[in-house]
């Protein structure tokens, strides 16, 4: 079970967009396992590129998964995620508040 999944609400913990909250659009695994996982967030790390005949296109670039944390709405901050056995199998929980995701 992955700790961060698509459509989770996350907060950026490092970089230019530090402190911003967003949702995960996609998670990509690079071919080289040493490079790790990358996440694309909605409205975060946007860039503009010129495309001939189409003008300027704006899109999001991925950031490393270590620079995001799951957003805990109960505490209002980012929290690490743990995995524990629940009634229906494994479930994710916030380590700050010990509530299920």
Protein backbone atom coordinates (compact mmCIF):
# COMPACT_ATOMS: atom_id res chain seq x y z
CA UNK A 1 0.00 0.00 0.00
CA UNK A 2 1.38 3.40 -0.96
CA UNK A 3 1.41 6.19 1.59
CA UNK A 4 0.48 8.97 -0.86
CA UNK A 5 -2.11 8.19 -3.53
CA UNK A 6 -3.77 10.03 -6.39
CA UNK A 7 -6.34 12.70 -5.34
CA UNK A 8 -4.91 12.99 -1.80
CA UNK A 9 -4.67 16.48 -0.37
CA UNK A 10 -1.02 17.31 0.30
CA UNK A 11 1.10 20.25 1.48
CA UNK A 12 4.44 21.15 -0.08
CA UNK A 13 7.25 21.06 2.51
CA UNK A 14 10.23 22.35 0.49
CA UNK A 15 11.08 24.57 -2.45
CA UNK A 16 9.50 27.59 -4.09
CA UNK A 17 5.94 26.45 -3.36
CA UNK A 18 6.55 25.63 0.33
CA UNK A 19 3.38 25.87 2.43
CA UNK A 20 0.99 25.49 -0.53
CA UNK A 21 -1.74 22.86 -0.41
CA UNK A 22 -2.95 20.98 -3.46
CA UNK A 23 -4.22 17.62 -4.68
CA UNK A 24 -2.14 14.91 -6.32
CA UNK A 25 -2.91 14.54 -10.02
CA UNK A 26 -0.50 11.72 -10.82
CA UNK A 27 2.35 9.70 -9.37
CA UNK A 28 5.14 8.59 -11.69
CA UNK A 29 7.93 6.11 -11.12
CA UNK A 30 11.17 6.88 -12.92
CA UNK A 31 12.96 4.06 -14.73
CA UNK A 32 16.04 4.50 -12.55
CA UNK A 33 15.06 3.30 -9.02
CA UNK A 34 17.60 5.63 -7.41
CA UNK A 35 15.62 8.65 -8.67
CA UNK A 36 12.48 7.66 -6.73
CA UNK A 37 8.89 8.70 -7.17
CA UNK A 38 7.63 12.02 -8.49
CA UNK A 39 4.19 13.59 -8.02
CA UNK A 40 2.36 16.11 -10.15
CA UNK A 41 0.22 18.54 -8.13
CA UNK A 42 -2.69 20.61 -9.39
CA UNK A 43 -1.65 24.26 -9.80
CA UNK A 44 1.82 23.77 -8.26
CA UNK A 45 5.16 24.10 -10.09
CA UNK A 46 3.53 25.51 -13.24
CA UNK A 47 5.67 26.63 -16.15
CA UNK A 48 5.03 28.26 -19.51
CA UNK A 49 6.60 26.95 -22.69
CA UNK A 50 6.42 28.41 -26.18
CA UNK A 51 5.13 26.02 -28.85
CA UNK A 52 5.35 27.03 -32.46
CA UNK A 53 1.92 27.63 -33.92
CA UNK A 54 0.17 27.20 -30.55
CA UNK A 55 1.53 30.10 -28.52
CA UNK A 56 2.38 29.71 -24.85
CA UNK A 57 1.30 26.53 -23.10
CA UNK A 58 1.11 26.29 -19.31
CA UNK A 59 1.47 22.97 -17.51
CA UNK A 60 2.65 21.46 -14.21
CA UNK A 61 6.02 19.80 -13.73
CA UNK A 62 6.43 16.97 -11.21
CA UNK A 63 8.21 17.41 -7.87
CA UNK A 64 9.87 14.71 -5.76
CA UNK A 65 7.58 12.82 -3.39
CA UNK A 66 9.87 13.60 -0.43
CA UNK A 67 8.94 17.29 -0.75
CA UNK A 68 5.24 16.73 0.02
CA UNK A 69 3.37 15.56 3.11
CA UNK A 70 -0.23 14.46 3.49
CA UNK A 71 -2.37 17.38 4.73
CA UNK A 72 -4.07 16.64 8.05
CA UNK A 73 -7.20 18.80 8.23
CA UNK A 74 -7.65 18.12 11.96
CA UNK A 75 -4.31 19.70 12.90
CA UNK A 76 -4.09 21.99 9.85
CA UNK A 77 -0.54 20.92 9.01
CA UNK A 78 1.29 18.23 7.11
CA UNK A 79 1.65 14.83 8.72
CA UNK A 80 3.57 11.65 8.12
CA UNK A 81 1.50 8.63 7.17
CA UNK A 82 1.55 5.21 8.77
CA UNK A 83 -0.08 1.93 7.80
CA UNK A 84 -1.90 -0.21 10.34
CA UNK A 85 -4.30 -3.12 10.32
CA UNK A 86 -7.90 -2.08 10.47
CA UNK A 87 -11.22 -3.89 10.44
CA UNK A 88 -11.29 -4.03 6.63
CA UNK A 89 -7.57 -4.75 6.18
CA UNK A 90 -4.71 -2.27 6.05
CA UNK A 91 -5.53 1.42 6.42
CA UNK A 92 -3.52 4.62 6.29
CA UNK A 93 -3.47 6.98 9.28
CA UNK A 94 -2.00 10.35 10.21
CA UNK A 95 0.87 9.97 12.68
CA UNK A 96 0.14 13.34 14.34
CA UNK A 97 -3.51 12.75 15.17
CA UNK A 98 -3.71 8.92 14.81
CA UNK A 99 -6.90 9.28 12.74
CA UNK A 100 -7.58 7.26 9.60
CA UNK A 101 -7.09 8.98 6.25
